[in-house]
Amino acid sequence: MGIRRPGNVWEGSIMKSRIRAHNARMGWLGAAGVSAMLLAGCAAGPGTGTAPAAGSPSRNPSGAATASAEAGNRSPSASARMICQDETRTNILRILSLPAPPRTTDAWADSLYTCTYALPSGSLVLSVKQAPDAGAARAHFDGLQHVAVSAQPIEGMANLGFPAFQTPDGTVVFVKDNFVLTVDATGLPATVGPHDVTRSAFAYEVATAVLACWSD
């Protein structure tokens, strides 16, 4: 069964409006950081690029995705691979005001695509569980929430209309369609970036940037 690309242009516009409104209300990042993140864009969009080799530095070469990349769970879909490509890497660079794009390594096993960012202050780990359908994705999400220590649901405007939870130590998890997105910032200091935002807030910003790209 092929993987359906999440979202559409209308949904993406609504989501970005919600993200901007939520960030403005919470004041988690400075205006420059939030704007840069959301305006960095999703130029490739779901369905472009080719899969990087697992365990090697990630790259985003041009060209259409191969058919095998979208065929079931034999390899990560284009949407899953986005967490390790230029869109996400550029967003992280701008949020943290890094001097150069961070180096990444990736892996694919058991329908889980993982991308680790080697940041100056520690490691940031993004992962996407690519389930066969929305029901299986929700079951996986519920399992993660059940075992997570002190997990708290993300509710109201902050959840962007999707089931989501966060942990006090800096992990944020969202489920959308047949994807479960996890941003794990526990390997970073308590505060990060030029605005000294908490690692939990940073994880949330990275997660919502990915979700916005998925909906473009």
C-alpha atoms as a PDB file:
ATOM      1  CA  MET A   1       0.000   0.000   0.000  1.00  0.00           C
ATOM      2  CA  GLY A   2       1.410   3.392  -0.983  1.00  0.00           C
ATOM      3  CA  ILE A   3       1.917   6.189   1.510  1.00  0.00           C
ATOM      4  CA  ARG A   4      -0.477   9.092   1.143  1.00  0.00           C
ATOM      5  CA  ARG A   5       1.108  12.494   1.266  1.00  0.00           C
ATOM      6  CA  PRO A   6      -0.242  14.405   4.246  1.00  0.00           C
ATOM      7  CA  GLY A   7      -2.214  17.594   3.868  1.00  0.00           C
ATOM      8  CA  ASN A   8      -2.804  20.140   1.150  1.00  0.00           C
ATOM      9  CA  VAL A   9      -2.226  23.810   0.405  1.00  0.00           C
ATOM     10  CA  TRP A  10      -5.331  25.018   2.243  1.00  0.00           C
ATOM     11  CA  GLU A  11      -4.520  22.939   5.301  1.00  0.00           C
ATOM     12  CA  GLY A  12      -0.936  24.198   5.244  1.00  0.00           C
ATOM     13  CA  SER A  13      -2.074  27.826   5.206  1.00  0.00           C
ATOM     14  CA  ILE A  14      -4.416  27.257   8.151  1.00  0.00           C
ATOM     15  CA  MET A  15      -1.718  25.414  10.081  1.00  0.00           C
ATOM     16  CA  LYS A  16       0.878  28.108   9.570  1.00  0.00           C
ATOM     17  CA  SER A  17      -1.608  30.724  10.762  1.00  0.00           C
ATOM     18  CA  ARG A  18      -2.226  28.665  13.900  1.00  0.00           C
ATOM     19  CA  ILE A  19       1.509  28.249  14.509  1.00  0.00           C
ATOM     20  CA  ARG A  20       2.141  31.979  14.143  1.00  0.00           C
ATOM     21  CA  ALA A  21      -0.764  32.825  16.452  1.00  0.00           C
ATOM     22  CA  HIS A  22       0.341  30.303  19.046  1.00  0.00           C
ATOM     23  CA  ASN A  23       3.973  31.436  18.993  1.00  0.00           C
ATOM     24  CA  ALA A  24       2.960  35.068  19.273  1.00  0.00           C
ATOM     25  CA  ARG A  25       0.749  34.263  22.258  1.00  0.00           C
ATOM     26  CA  MET A  26       3.316  32.098  24.027  1.00  0.00           C
ATOM     27  CA  GLY A  27       6.353  34.222  23.188  1.00  0.00           C
ATOM     28  CA  TRP A  28       8.551  31.117  22.981  1.00  0.00           C
ATOM     29  CA  LEU A  29      10.855  32.517  20.314  1.00  0.00           C
ATOM     30  CA  GLY A  30      11.868  35.984  19.244  1.00  0.00           C
ATOM     31  CA  ALA A  31      10.042  37.356  16.224  1.00  0.00           C
ATOM     32  CA  ALA A  32      13.053  36.853  13.995  1.00  0.00           C
ATOM     33  CA  GLY A  33      13.376  33.189  14.946  1.00  0.00           C
ATOM     34  CA  VAL A  34       9.720  32.347  14.400  1.00  0.00           C
ATOM     35  CA  SER A  35       9.443  34.228  11.125  1.00  0.00           C
ATOM     36  CA  ALA A  36      12.647  32.759   9.769  1.00  0.00           C
ATOM     37  CA  MET A  37      11.556  29.253  10.623  1.00  0.00           C
ATOM     38  CA  LEU A  38       8.162  29.484   8.991  1.00  0.00           C
ATOM     39  CA  LEU A  39       9.314  31.498   6.010  1.00  0.00           C
ATOM     40  CA  ALA A  40      12.261  29.206   5.297  1.00  0.00           C
ATOM     41  CA  GLY A  41       9.719  27.378   3.183  1.00  0.00           C
ATOM     42  CA  CYS A  42       9.160  23.855   2.019  1.00  0.00           C
ATOM     43  CA  ALA A  43      10.699  24.212  -1.398  1.00  0.00           C
ATOM     44  CA  ALA A  44      11.096  20.512  -2.014  1.00  0.00           C
ATOM     45  CA  GLY A  45       7.741  19.591  -0.557  1.00  0.00           C
ATOM     46  CA  PRO A  46       6.542  16.043   0.019  1.00  0.00           C
ATOM     47  CA  GLY A  47       7.488  13.750  -2.826  1.00  0.00           C
ATOM     48  CA  THR A  48      10.759  15.291  -3.982  1.00  0.00           C
ATOM     49  CA  GLY A  49      14.360  14.372  -3.395  1.00  0.00           C
ATOM     50  CA  THR A  50      15.974  10.949  -3.192  1.00  0.00           C
ATOM     51  CA  ALA A  51      16.574   8.904  -0.086  1.00  0.00           C
ATOM     52  CA  PRO A  52      19.970   9.345   1.607  1.00  0.00           C
ATOM     53  CA  ALA A  53      21.856   6.228   2.543  1.00  0.00           C
ATOM     54  CA  ALA A  54      21.063   5.231   6.116  1.00  0.00           C
ATOM     55  CA  GLY A  55      23.838   6.056   8.547  1.00  0.00           C
ATOM     56  CA  SER A  56      25.566   8.547   6.241  1.00  0.00           C
ATOM     57  CA  PRO A  57      25.481  12.367   6.170  1.00  0.00           C
ATOM     58  CA  SER A  58      22.162  13.416   4.669  1.00  0.00           C
ATOM     59  CA  ARG A  59      21.925  15.242   1.388  1.00  0.00           C
ATOM     60  CA  ASN A  60      19.065  16.573  -0.690  1.00  0.00           C
ATOM     61  CA  PRO A  61      19.964  15.921  -4.335  1.00  0.00           C
ATOM     62  CA  SER A  62      17.554  17.019  -7.012  1.00  0.00           C
ATOM     63  CA  GLY A  63      15.385  14.574  -8.895  1.00  0.00           C
ATOM     64  CA  ALA A  64      12.129  12.723  -8.395  1.00  0.00           C
ATOM     65  CA  ALA A  65      11.735  10.147  -5.651  1.00  0.00           C
ATOM     66  CA  THR A  66      12.093   6.577  -6.795  1.00  0.00           C
ATOM     67  CA  ALA A  67       8.994   4.425  -6.875  1.00  0.00           C
ATOM     68  CA  SER A  68      10.412   2.147  -4.190  1.00  0.00           C
ATOM     69  CA  ALA A  69      10.660   5.085  -1.783  1.00  0.00           C
ATOM     70  CA  GLU A  70       6.874   5.389  -1.812  1.00  0.00           C
ATOM     71  CA  ALA A  71       6.019   1.686  -1.999  1.00  0.00           C
ATOM     72  CA  GLY A  72       4.722   0.684   1.406  1.00  0.00           C
ATOM     73  CA  ASN A  73       7.227   0.668   4.239  1.00  0.00           C
ATOM     74  CA  ARG A  74      10.164  -0.852   2.381  1.00  0.00           C
ATOM     75  CA  SER A  75      11.916   2.506   2.561  1.00  0.00           C
ATOM     76  CA  PRO A  76      11.148   5.935   4.064  1.00  0.00           C
ATOM     77  CA  SER A  77       8.668   8.042   2.123  1.00  0.00           C
ATOM     78  CA  ALA A  78       9.562  11.477   0.799  1.00  0.00           C
ATOM     79  CA  SER A  79       7.524  13.037   3.602  1.00  0.00           C
ATOM     80  CA  ALA A  80       9.461  11.098   6.249  1.00  0.00           C
ATOM     81  CA  ARG A  81      12.812  11.968   4.660  1.00  0.00           C
ATOM     82  CA  MET A  82      11.979  15.658   4.908  1.00  0.00           C
ATOM     83  CA  ILE A  83      13.122  15.668   8.552  1.00  0.00           C
ATOM     84  CA  CYS A  84      16.687  15.198   7.324  1.00  0.00           C
ATOM     85  CA  GLN A  85      16.646  17.408   4.243  1.00  0.00           C
ATOM     86  CA  ASP A  86      17.331  21.050   3.501  1.00  0.00           C
ATOM     87  CA  GLU A  87      13.978  22.436   4.684  1.00  0.00           C
ATOM     88  CA  THR A  88      14.368  21.184   8.243  1.00  0.00           C
ATOM     89  CA  ARG A  89      18.126  21.714   8.366  1.00  0.00           C
ATOM     90  CA  THR A  90      17.707  25.343   7.286  1.00  0.00           C
ATOM     91  CA  ASN A  91      14.948  25.934   9.836  1.00  0.00           C
ATOM     92  CA  ILE A  92      17.165  24.631  12.641  1.00  0.00           C
ATOM     93  CA  LEU A  93      20.093  26.726  11.423  1.00  0.00           C
ATOM     94  CA  ARG A  94      17.969  29.886  11.454  1.00  0.00           C
ATOM     95  CA  ILE A  95      16.227  29.246  14.776  1.00  0.00           C
ATOM     96  CA  LEU A  96      19.570  28.705  16.530  1.00  0.00           C
ATOM     97  CA  SER A  97      21.520  31.266  14.442  1.00  0.00           C
ATOM     98  CA  LEU A  98      24.159  28.663  13.648  1.00  0.00           C
ATOM     99  CA  PRO A  99      27.204  29.655  11.577  1.00  0.00           C
ATOM    100  CA  ALA A 100      26.786  26.666   9.244  1.00  0.00           C
ATOM    101  CA  PRO A 101      24.198  23.969   8.512  1.00  0.00           C
ATOM    102  CA  PRO A 102      24.380  21.173  11.106  1.00  0.00           C
ATOM    103  CA  ARG A 103      25.708  17.784  10.110  1.00  0.00           C
ATOM    104  CA  THR A 104      23.169  14.968  10.065  1.00  0.00           C
ATOM    105  CA  THR A 105      23.160  11.197  10.097  1.00  0.00           C
ATOM    106  CA  ASP A 106      20.126   9.067   9.356  1.00  0.00           C
ATOM    107  CA  ALA A 107      18.854   5.527   9.769  1.00  0.00           C
ATOM    108  CA  TRP A 108      15.891   3.402   8.656  1.00  0.00           C
ATOM    109  CA  ALA A 109      14.706   0.342  10.591  1.00  0.00           C
ATOM    110  CA  ASP A 110      11.326  -1.169  11.514  1.00  0.00           C
ATOM    111  CA  SER A 111       9.467   1.515   9.542  1.00  0.00           C
ATOM    112  CA  LEU A 112      11.155   4.215  11.639  1.00  0.00           C
ATOM    113  CA  TYR A 113      13.202   6.896   9.899  1.00  0.00           C
ATOM    114  CA  THR A 114      15.576   8.722  12.262  1.00  0.00           C
ATOM    115  CA  CYS A 115      17.691  11.810  11.664  1.00  0.00           C
ATOM    116  CA  THR A 116      20.250  12.972  14.233  1.00  0.00           C
ATOM    117  CA  TYR A 117      21.506  16.562  14.127  1.00  0.00           C
ATOM    118  CA  ALA A 118      24.964  17.148  15.561  1.00  0.00           C
ATOM    119  CA  LEU A 119      24.558  20.631  17.048  1.00  0.00           C
ATOM    120  CA  PRO A 120      27.294  22.614  18.833  1.00  0.00           C
ATOM    121  CA  SER A 121      25.469  22.164  22.143  1.00  0.00           C
ATOM    122  CA  GLY A 122      24.460  18.522  21.735  1.00  0.00           C
ATOM    123  CA  SER A 123      22.281  16.178  19.692  1.00  0.00           C
ATOM    124  CA  LEU A 124      18.765  16.729  18.347  1.00  0.00           C
ATOM    125  CA  VAL A 125      16.954  13.607  17.152  1.00  0.00           C
ATOM    126  CA  LEU A 126      13.968  13.687  14.796  1.00  0.00           C
ATOM    127  CA  SER A 127      12.124  10.523  13.846  1.00  0.00           C
ATOM    128  CA  VAL A 128       9.083   9.512  11.821  1.00  0.00           C
ATOM    129  CA  LYS A 129       7.249   6.238  12.357  1.00  0.00           C
ATOM    130  CA  GLN A 130       5.736   5.359   8.998  1.00  0.00           C
ATOM    131  CA  ALA A 131       2.665   3.265   9.803  1.00  0.00           C
ATOM    132  CA  PRO A 132       0.592   1.404   7.189  1.00  0.00           C
ATOM    133  CA  ASP A 133      -2.497   3.488   7.981  1.00  0.00           C
ATOM    134  CA  ALA A 134      -3.844   6.193  10.293  1.00  0.00           C
ATOM    135  CA  GLY A 135      -5.191   3.697  12.828  1.00  0.00           C
ATOM    136  CA  ALA A 136      -1.826   2.017  13.225  1.00  0.00           C
ATOM    137  CA  ALA A 137      -0.148   5.405  13.559  1.00  0.00           C
ATOM    138  CA  ARG A 138      -2.540   6.406  16.333  1.00  0.00           C
ATOM    139  CA  ALA A 139      -1.944   3.108  18.131  1.00  0.00           C
ATOM    140  CA  HIS A 140       1.826   3.706  17.963  1.00  0.00           C
ATOM    141  CA  PHE A 141       1.358   7.263  19.239  1.00  0.00           C
ATOM    142  CA  ASP A 142      -0.814   6.058  22.128  1.00  0.00           C
ATOM    143  CA  GLY A 143       1.848   3.508  23.041  1.00  0.00           C
ATOM    144  CA  LEU A 144       4.555   6.165  23.129  1.00  0.00           C
ATOM    145  CA  GLN A 145       2.406   8.432  25.264  1.00  0.00           C
ATOM    146  CA  HIS A 146       1.638   5.607  27.675  1.00  0.00           C
ATOM    147  CA  VAL A 147       5.294   4.827  28.393  1.00  0.00           C
ATOM    148  CA  ALA A 148       6.633   8.405  28.289  1.00  0.00           C
ATOM    149  CA  VAL A 149       7.558   9.777  31.702  1.00  0.00           C
ATOM    150  CA  SER A 150       5.308  12.676  32.772  1.00  0.00           C
ATOM    151  CA  ALA A 151       3.781  12.991  29.300  1.00  0.00           C
ATOM    152  CA  GLN A 152       1.323  15.867  28.988  1.00  0.00           C
ATOM    153  CA  PRO A 153      -1.137  16.247  26.096  1.00  0.00           C
ATOM    154  CA  ILE A 154      -0.628  19.308  23.904  1.00  0.00           C
ATOM    155  CA  GLU A 155      -4.076  20.842  23.681  1.00  0.00           C
ATOM    156  CA  GLY A 156      -5.976  23.788  22.281  1.00  0.00           C
ATOM    157  CA  MET A 157      -4.354  25.916  19.597  1.00  0.00           C
ATOM    158  CA  ALA A 158      -0.947  24.386  20.303  1.00  0.00           C
ATOM    159  CA  ASN A 159      -1.846  20.914  19.012  1.00  0.00           C
ATOM    160  CA  LEU A 160      -2.750  22.293  15.543  1.00  0.00           C
ATOM    161  CA  GLY A 161      -5.703  19.933  15.435  1.00  0.00           C
ATOM    162  CA  PHE A 162      -3.600  16.762  15.822  1.00  0.00           C
ATOM    163  CA  PRO A 163      -3.081  14.395  18.753  1.00  0.00           C
ATOM    164  CA  ALA A 164       0.158  15.490  20.428  1.00  0.00           C
ATOM    165  CA  PHE A 165       2.036  15.301  23.702  1.00  0.00           C
ATOM    166  CA  GLN A 166       5.232  16.588  25.245  1.00  0.00           C
ATOM    167  CA  THR A 167       7.491  15.640  28.134  1.00  0.00           C
ATOM    168  CA  PRO A 168       9.191  18.015  30.595  1.00  0.00           C
ATOM    169  CA  ASP A 169      12.663  16.909  29.510  1.00  0.00           C
ATOM    170  CA  GLY A 170      12.241  18.091  25.905  1.00  0.00           C
ATOM    171  CA  THR A 171      10.405  15.565  23.723  1.00  0.00           C
ATOM    172  CA  VAL A 172       7.448  16.487  21.496  1.00  0.00           C
ATOM    173  CA  VAL A 173       5.329  13.942  19.585  1.00  0.00           C
ATOM    174  CA  PHE A 174       2.610  14.538  16.966  1.00  0.00           C
ATOM    175  CA  VAL A 175       0.548  12.100  14.889  1.00  0.00           C
ATOM    176  CA  LYS A 176      -0.744  13.090  11.451  1.00  0.00           C
ATOM    177  CA  ASP A 177      -2.300  10.679   8.983  1.00  0.00           C
ATOM    178  CA  ASN A 178      -0.086   7.569   8.990  1.00  0.00           C
ATOM    179  CA  PHE A 179       2.967   9.350  10.409  1.00  0.00           C
ATOM    180  CA  VAL A 180       4.121   9.761  14.015  1.00  0.00           C
ATOM    181  CA  LEU A 181       6.657  12.588  14.316  1.00  0.00           C
ATOM    182  CA  THR A 182       8.957  12.732  17.348  1.00  0.00           C
ATOM    183  CA  VAL A 183      11.374  15.561  18.091  1.00  0.00           C
ATOM    184  CA  ASP A 184      13.736  14.624  20.932  1.00  0.00           C
ATOM    185  CA  ALA A 185      15.729  17.548  22.315  1.00  0.00           C
ATOM    186  CA  THR A 186      16.757  15.806  25.536  1.00  0.00           C
ATOM    187  CA  GLY A 187      20.375  15.777  24.374  1.00  0.00           C
ATOM    188  CA  LEU A 188      20.504  19.592  24.411  1.00  0.00           C
ATOM    189  CA  PRO A 189      21.033  22.031  27.301  1.00  0.00           C
ATOM    190  CA  ALA A 190      18.031  23.342  29.250  1.00  0.00           C
ATOM    191  CA  THR A 191      17.950  26.451  27.040  1.00  0.00           C
ATOM    192  CA  VAL A 192      19.184  26.906  23.471  1.00  0.00           C
ATOM    193  CA  GLY A 193      19.671  29.555  20.809  1.00  0.00           C
ATOM    194  CA  PRO A 194      20.218  33.307  20.936  1.00  0.00           C
ATOM    195  CA  HIS A 195      16.840  33.791  22.663  1.00  0.00           C
ATOM    196  CA  ASP A 196      17.554  31.156  25.340  1.00  0.00           C
ATOM    197  CA  VAL A 197      14.328  29.252  24.670  1.00  0.00           C
ATOM    198  CA  THR A 198      13.732  26.021  26.539  1.00  0.00           C
ATOM    199  CA  ARG A 199      14.601  22.833  24.736  1.00  0.00           C
ATOM    200  CA  SER A 200      10.933  21.817  24.964  1.00  0.00           C
ATOM    201  CA  ALA A 201       9.914  25.004  23.172  1.00  0.00           C
ATOM    202  CA  PHE A 202      12.627  24.427  20.586  1.00  0.00           C
ATOM    203  CA  ALA A 203      11.425  20.846  20.008  1.00  0.00           C
ATOM    204  CA  TYR A 204       7.889  22.144  19.528  1.00  0.00           C
ATOM    205  CA  GLU A 205       9.017  24.751  16.981  1.00  0.00           C
ATOM    206  CA  VAL A 206      10.937  22.175  14.969  1.00  0.00           C
ATOM    207  CA  ALA A 207       7.985  19.763  15.039  1.00  0.00           C
ATOM    208  CA  THR A 208       5.469  22.359  13.887  1.00  0.00           C
ATOM    209  CA  ALA A 209       7.785  23.469  11.085  1.00  0.00           C
ATOM    210  CA  VAL A 210       7.863  19.885   9.785  1.00  0.00           C
ATOM    211  CA  LEU A 211       4.081  19.607  10.088  1.00  0.00           C
ATOM    212  CA  ALA A 212       3.658  22.860   8.153  1.00  0.00           C
ATOM    213  CA  CYS A 213       5.836  21.472   5.364  1.00  0.00           C
ATOM    214  CA  TRP A 214       3.837  18.236   5.307  1.00  0.00           C
ATOM    215  CA  SER A 215       0.703  20.280   4.727  1.00  0.00           C
ATOM    216  CA  ASP A 216       2.048  22.378   1.838  1.00  0.00           C
END
